Amino acid sequence: MELESQTVIDVEVEEIDYHEQESIECWYSAGQIQSILGLNKAALQKAIAKLQNIYNIELKALRRGSARATEYSQMALDAIELLEAGKFAELRKLIEKIPAIDSATESSAIVFLDHHNQIAVSSASAADNNLSAINSLKSGLLSNYRELGRTLGRQAAAEVRQGFTDEVRAGLADLQES
C-alpha cells in the first residue's frame, strides 16, 4: 500500500526555552533487561526496533554502547514492558515524557505534516502481511477440502460398486434357483 502524496516543508529551527536535559541515570545490561522482561535476544531487539520505527523513540534514549557493552535505559525497560503488555495508551504517555535528545545542532529540519505517517505506513505493511497470510491459509484450507472431497468420492464410489455387485449377485442367484 503506497501513499499517493506526502506534504513536506523545510523550516528553520531555532531553539527556545532550552532546559538542561536530565541524563538517564539507570542503565541495565542486555542480560539484565532480558531477565527482568523474560525476553530472549531476538525479542528484545524486535521490541527496540518497534520502539524506534513505530513510536519514533531516539536510539540514544533506549540504549548506549555496542556489542557486548550495550546497556539499556530505565525508559527502555519501561517502554518494552508496556509494549509487550499491550498497554499502548500508557506507552504513548511515557513517550510524551521522553526529553528530546540532541543528536546535533541543526539549522534546518524537514517537518512531516502528517503526524501519523509512520504509523499508517507500518499499519499498511502489517495489513498487507495479514492479507498474504490469510490468502495462504485460505489456499491450504481449500486444498484440504478438495482432498477430503476426493477421499469421500472414492469411498462413495466403492460403496456404490459394492452395492451394485451385491445386487447383481443376488439377482443371478435368484435366476439360478428358478
C-alpha atoms as a PDB file:
ATOM      1  CA  MET A   1       0.000   0.000   0.000  1.00  0.00           C
ATOM      2  CA  GLU A   2       1.600   3.259  -1.100  1.00  0.00           C
ATOM      3  CA  LEU A   3       0.716   6.768  -0.086  1.00  0.00           C
ATOM      4  CA  GLU A   4      -0.307   8.899  -3.048  1.00  0.00           C
ATOM      5  CA  SER A   5       1.238  12.127  -1.809  1.00  0.00           C
ATOM      6  CA  GLN A   6       3.090  13.398   1.169  1.00  0.00           C
ATOM      7  CA  THR A   7       3.423  17.029   2.115  1.00  0.00           C
ATOM      8  CA  VAL A   8       6.745  18.189   3.490  1.00  0.00           C
ATOM      9  CA  ILE A   9       8.041  21.617   4.293  1.00  0.00           C
ATOM     10  CA  ASP A  10      11.545  22.798   5.045  1.00  0.00           C
ATOM     11  CA  VAL A  11      11.748  25.025   8.123  1.00  0.00           C
ATOM     12  CA  GLU A  12      14.410  26.869  10.026  1.00  0.00           C
ATOM     13  CA  VAL A  13      14.922  25.645  13.559  1.00  0.00           C
ATOM     14  CA  GLU A  14      15.593  27.948  16.458  1.00  0.00           C
ATOM     15  CA  GLU A  15      15.993  26.604  19.961  1.00  0.00           C
ATOM     16  CA  ILE A  16      13.853  28.326  22.606  1.00  0.00           C
ATOM     17  CA  ASP A  17      13.214  27.576  26.257  1.00  0.00           C
ATOM     18  CA  TYR A  18      16.106  25.127  26.409  1.00  0.00           C
ATOM     19  CA  HIS A  19      16.430  23.319  29.703  1.00  0.00           C
ATOM     20  CA  GLU A  20      19.431  21.206  30.560  1.00  0.00           C
ATOM     21  CA  GLN A  21      18.127  17.680  29.990  1.00  0.00           C
ATOM     22  CA  GLU A  22      18.422  15.200  32.758  1.00  0.00           C
ATOM     23  CA  SER A  23      20.735  12.346  31.982  1.00  0.00           C
ATOM     24  CA  ILE A  24      19.307   8.885  32.165  1.00  0.00           C
ATOM     25  CA  GLU A  25      20.955   7.517  35.288  1.00  0.00           C
ATOM     26  CA  CYS A  26      19.744   3.930  35.483  1.00  0.00           C
ATOM     27  CA  TRP A  27      21.242   1.614  32.848  1.00  0.00           C
ATOM     28  CA  TYR A  28      20.924  -2.165  32.547  1.00  0.00           C
ATOM     29  CA  SER A  29      22.955  -4.738  30.669  1.00  0.00           C
ATOM     30  CA  ALA A  30      21.252  -6.716  27.910  1.00  0.00           C
ATOM     31  CA  GLY A  31      21.246  -9.795  30.144  1.00  0.00           C
ATOM     32  CA  GLN A  32      19.566  -7.900  32.978  1.00  0.00           C
ATOM     33  CA  ILE A  33      16.881  -6.497  30.662  1.00  0.00           C
ATOM     34  CA  GLN A  34      16.231  -9.944  29.171  1.00  0.00           C
ATOM     35  CA  SER A  35      15.983 -11.466  32.633  1.00  0.00           C
ATOM     36  CA  ILE A  36      13.683  -8.761  34.020  1.00  0.00           C
ATOM     37  CA  LEU A  37      11.356  -8.832  30.999  1.00  0.00           C
ATOM     38  CA  GLY A  38      11.621 -12.559  30.286  1.00  0.00           C
ATOM     39  CA  LEU A  39      12.650 -11.974  26.668  1.00  0.00           C
ATOM     40  CA  ASN A  40      15.269 -13.625  24.505  1.00  0.00           C
ATOM     41  CA  LYS A  41      17.789 -11.616  22.474  1.00  0.00           C
ATOM     42  CA  ALA A  42      15.693 -11.608  19.288  1.00  0.00           C
ATOM     43  CA  ALA A  43      12.531 -10.483  21.102  1.00  0.00           C
ATOM     44  CA  LEU A  44      14.480  -7.683  22.830  1.00  0.00           C
ATOM     45  CA  GLN A  45      15.919  -6.492  19.507  1.00  0.00           C
ATOM     46  CA  LYS A  46      12.463  -6.637  17.895  1.00  0.00           C
ATOM     47  CA  ALA A  47      10.966  -4.575  20.745  1.00  0.00           C
ATOM     48  CA  ILE A  48      13.737  -1.953  20.448  1.00  0.00           C
ATOM     49  CA  ALA A  49      13.160  -1.799  16.669  1.00  0.00           C
ATOM     50  CA  LYS A  50       9.393  -1.294  17.195  1.00  0.00           C
ATOM     51  CA  LEU A  51      10.018   1.499  19.683  1.00  0.00           C
ATOM     52  CA  GLN A  52      12.305   3.207  17.173  1.00  0.00           C
ATOM     53  CA  ASN A  53      10.332   2.632  13.979  1.00  0.00           C
ATOM     54  CA  ILE A  54       6.731   2.851  15.139  1.00  0.00           C
ATOM     55  CA  TYR A  55       6.994   5.207  18.116  1.00  0.00           C
ATOM     56  CA  ASN A  56       9.977   7.267  16.829  1.00  0.00           C
ATOM     57  CA  ILE A  57      11.985   6.999  20.042  1.00  0.00           C
ATOM     58  CA  GLU A  58      15.621   8.002  19.613  1.00  0.00           C
ATOM     59  CA  LEU A  59      18.015   5.085  19.961  1.00  0.00           C
ATOM     60  CA  LYS A  60      20.116   7.174  22.352  1.00  0.00           C
ATOM     61  CA  ALA A  61      17.186   7.243  24.786  1.00  0.00           C
ATOM     62  CA  LEU A  62      16.880   3.460  24.649  1.00  0.00           C
ATOM     63  CA  ARG A  63      20.464   2.212  24.715  1.00  0.00           C
ATOM     64  CA  ARG A  64      24.118   3.124  24.701  1.00  0.00           C
ATOM     65  CA  GLY A  65      27.274   1.278  23.817  1.00  0.00           C
ATOM     66  CA  SER A  66      27.619  -1.517  21.310  1.00  0.00           C
ATOM     67  CA  ALA A  67      28.132  -5.265  21.033  1.00  0.00           C
ATOM     68  CA  ARG A  68      28.610  -6.848  24.465  1.00  0.00           C
ATOM     69  CA  ALA A  69      28.886  -3.444  26.147  1.00  0.00           C
ATOM     70  CA  THR A  70      25.345  -2.389  25.187  1.00  0.00           C
ATOM     71  CA  GLU A  71      23.321  -1.008  28.064  1.00  0.00           C
ATOM     72  CA  TYR A  72      19.603  -0.224  28.108  1.00  0.00           C
ATOM     73  CA  SER A  73      17.949   2.690  29.907  1.00  0.00           C
ATOM     74  CA  GLN A  74      15.221   2.564  32.530  1.00  0.00           C
ATOM     75  CA  MET A  75      12.993   4.230  29.956  1.00  0.00           C
ATOM     76  CA  ALA A  76      13.695   1.360  27.520  1.00  0.00           C
ATOM     77  CA  LEU A  77      12.808  -1.143  30.229  1.00  0.00           C
ATOM     78  CA  ASP A  78       9.531   0.636  30.989  1.00  0.00           C
ATOM     79  CA  ALA A  79       8.636   1.114  27.315  1.00  0.00           C
ATOM     80  CA  ILE A  80       9.326  -2.511  26.371  1.00  0.00           C
ATOM     81  CA  GLU A  81       7.333  -3.711  29.363  1.00  0.00           C
ATOM     82  CA  LEU A  82       4.326  -1.611  28.268  1.00  0.00           C
ATOM     83  CA  LEU A  83       4.749  -2.648  24.624  1.00  0.00           C
ATOM     84  CA  GLU A  84       4.861  -6.352  25.482  1.00  0.00           C
ATOM     85  CA  ALA A  85       1.848  -5.992  27.806  1.00  0.00           C
ATOM     86  CA  GLY A  86      -0.126  -4.253  25.057  1.00  0.00           C
ATOM     87  CA  LYS A  87      -0.648  -1.129  27.160  1.00  0.00           C
ATOM     88  CA  PHE A  88      -0.354   1.286  24.246  1.00  0.00           C
ATOM     89  CA  ALA A  89      -2.082   4.255  25.875  1.00  0.00           C
ATOM     90  CA  GLU A  90       0.357   4.143  28.789  1.00  0.00           C
ATOM     91  CA  LEU A  91       3.225   3.701  26.323  1.00  0.00           C
ATOM     92  CA  ARG A  92       2.134   6.865  24.477  1.00  0.00           C
ATOM     93  CA  LYS A  93       2.091   8.779  27.784  1.00  0.00           C
ATOM     94  CA  LEU A  94       5.588   7.514  28.593  1.00  0.00           C
ATOM     95  CA  ILE A  95       6.852   8.517  25.144  1.00  0.00           C
ATOM     96  CA  GLU A  96       5.454  12.027  25.557  1.00  0.00           C
ATOM     97  CA  LYS A  97       7.554  12.410  28.721  1.00  0.00           C
ATOM     98  CA  ILE A  98      10.830  11.479  26.993  1.00  0.00           C
ATOM     99  CA  PRO A  99      13.092  14.509  26.728  1.00  0.00           C
ATOM    100  CA  ALA A 100      14.329  15.284  23.237  1.00  0.00           C
ATOM    101  CA  ILE A 101      17.918  14.192  22.708  1.00  0.00           C
ATOM    102  CA  ASP A 102      20.056  16.475  20.589  1.00  0.00           C
ATOM    103  CA  SER A 103      21.928  14.408  18.042  1.00  0.00           C
ATOM    104  CA  ALA A 104      23.487  17.541  16.576  1.00  0.00           C
ATOM    105  CA  THR A 105      22.631  21.191  16.409  1.00  0.00           C
ATOM    106  CA  GLU A 106      20.841  21.629  13.103  1.00  0.00           C
ATOM    107  CA  SER A 107      19.915  24.839  11.402  1.00  0.00           C
ATOM    108  CA  SER A 108      17.060  23.362   9.391  1.00  0.00           C
ATOM    109  CA  ALA A 109      14.677  20.438   9.582  1.00  0.00           C
ATOM    110  CA  ILE A 110      12.118  18.635   7.474  1.00  0.00           C
ATOM    111  CA  VAL A 111       8.721  18.530   9.095  1.00  0.00           C
ATOM    112  CA  PHE A 112       6.176  15.906   8.078  1.00  0.00           C
ATOM    113  CA  LEU A 113       2.743  17.456   8.258  1.00  0.00           C
ATOM    114  CA  ASP A 114       1.032  14.123   8.774  1.00  0.00           C
ATOM    115  CA  HIS A 115       1.992  13.119  12.331  1.00  0.00           C
ATOM    116  CA  HIS A 116       0.645   9.620  11.873  1.00  0.00           C
ATOM    117  CA  ASN A 117       2.508   8.868   8.636  1.00  0.00           C
ATOM    118  CA  GLN A 118       4.869   6.319  10.179  1.00  0.00           C
ATOM    119  CA  ILE A 119       2.041   4.553  11.988  1.00  0.00           C
ATOM    120  CA  ALA A 120      -0.026   4.487   8.791  1.00  0.00           C
ATOM    121  CA  VAL A 121       2.863   3.039   6.782  1.00  0.00           C
ATOM    122  CA  SER A 122       3.596   0.340   9.358  1.00  0.00           C
ATOM    123  CA  SER A 123      -0.133  -0.446   9.689  1.00  0.00           C
ATOM    124  CA  ALA A 124      -0.412  -0.796   5.926  1.00  0.00           C
ATOM    125  CA  SER A 125       2.574  -3.132   5.933  1.00  0.00           C
ATOM    126  CA  ALA A 126       1.028  -5.220   8.711  1.00  0.00           C
ATOM    127  CA  ALA A 127      -2.293  -5.313   6.827  1.00  0.00           C
ATOM    128  CA  ASP A 128      -0.518  -6.484   3.659  1.00  0.00           C
ATOM    129  CA  ASN A 129       1.257  -9.208   5.638  1.00  0.00           C
ATOM    130  CA  ASN A 130      -2.037 -10.272   7.216  1.00  0.00           C
ATOM    131  CA  LEU A 131      -3.750 -10.445   3.816  1.00  0.00           C
ATOM    132  CA  SER A 132      -0.921 -12.585   2.460  1.00  0.00           C
ATOM    133  CA  ALA A 133      -1.204 -14.907   5.457  1.00  0.00           C
ATOM    134  CA  ILE A 134      -4.995 -15.118   5.032  1.00  0.00           C
ATOM    135  CA  ASN A 135      -4.628 -15.974   1.332  1.00  0.00           C
ATOM    136  CA  SER A 136      -2.101 -18.663   2.168  1.00  0.00           C
ATOM    137  CA  LEU A 137      -4.358 -20.151   4.852  1.00  0.00           C
ATOM    138  CA  LYS A 138      -7.360 -19.993   2.501  1.00  0.00           C
ATOM    139  CA  SER A 139      -5.451 -21.834  -0.233  1.00  0.00           C
ATOM    140  CA  GLY A 140      -4.375 -24.510   2.232  1.00  0.00           C
ATOM    141  CA  LEU A 141      -7.920 -24.903   3.537  1.00  0.00           C
ATOM    142  CA  LEU A 142      -9.366 -25.208   0.012  1.00  0.00           C
ATOM    143  CA  SER A 143      -6.723 -27.796  -0.841  1.00  0.00           C
ATOM    144  CA  ASN A 144      -7.657 -29.779   2.267  1.00  0.00           C
ATOM    145  CA  TYR A 145     -11.356 -29.615   1.347  1.00  0.00           C
ATOM    146  CA  ARG A 146     -10.598 -30.822  -2.192  1.00  0.00           C
ATOM    147  CA  GLU A 147      -8.596 -33.764  -0.859  1.00  0.00           C
ATOM    148  CA  LEU A 148     -11.399 -34.597   1.569  1.00  0.00           C
ATOM    149  CA  GLY A 149     -13.881 -34.469  -1.337  1.00  0.00           C
ATOM    150  CA  ARG A 150     -11.698 -36.822  -3.379  1.00  0.00           C
ATOM    151  CA  THR A 151     -11.431 -39.265  -0.476  1.00  0.00           C
ATOM    152  CA  LEU A 152     -15.169 -39.193   0.234  1.00  0.00           C
ATOM    153  CA  GLY A 153     -15.880 -39.572  -3.511  1.00  0.00           C
ATOM    154  CA  ARG A 154     -13.665 -42.673  -3.693  1.00  0.00           C
ATOM    155  CA  GLN A 155     -15.416 -44.142  -0.652  1.00  0.00           C
ATOM    156  CA  ALA A 156     -18.858 -43.391  -2.120  1.00  0.00           C
ATOM    157  CA  ALA A 157     -17.893 -44.922  -5.476  1.00  0.00           C
ATOM    158  CA  ALA A 158     -16.607 -48.052  -3.717  1.00  0.00           C
ATOM    159  CA  GLU A 159     -19.882 -48.337  -1.780  1.00  0.00           C
ATOM    160  CA  VAL A 160     -21.939 -47.947  -4.971  1.00  0.00           C
ATOM    161  CA  ARG A 161     -19.815 -50.596  -6.734  1.00  0.00           C
ATOM    162  CA  GLN A 162     -20.176 -52.943  -3.779  1.00  0.00           C
ATOM    163  CA  GLY A 163     -23.965 -52.412  -3.676  1.00  0.00           C
ATOM    164  CA  PHE A 164     -24.260 -52.985  -7.436  1.00  0.00           C
ATOM    165  CA  THR A 165     -22.135 -56.115  -7.224  1.00  0.00           C
ATOM    166  CA  ASP A 166     -24.177 -57.457  -4.321  1.00  0.00           C
ATOM    167  CA  GLU A 167     -27.484 -56.828  -6.167  1.00  0.00           C
ATOM    168  CA  VAL A 168     -26.222 -58.451  -9.400  1.00  0.00           C
ATOM    169  CA  ARG A 169     -25.006 -61.473  -7.399  1.00  0.00           C
ATOM    170  CA  ALA A 170     -28.395 -61.747  -5.648  1.00  0.00           C
ATOM    171  CA  GLY A 171     -30.226 -61.448  -8.977  1.00  0.00           C
ATOM    172  CA  LEU A 172     -28.084 -64.189 -10.560  1.00  0.00           C
ATOM    173  CA  ALA A 173     -28.667 -66.417  -7.549  1.00  0.00           C
ATOM    174  CA  ASP A 174     -32.442 -65.919  -7.933  1.00  0.00           C
ATOM    175  CA  LEU A 175     -32.198 -66.791 -11.632  1.00  0.00           C
ATOM    176  CA  GLN A 176     -30.272 -69.966 -10.895  1.00  0.00           C
ATOM    177  CA  GLU A 177     -32.807 -71.120  -8.316  1.00  0.00           C
ATOM    178  CA  SER A 178     -35.735 -70.686 -10.689  1.00  0.00           C
END
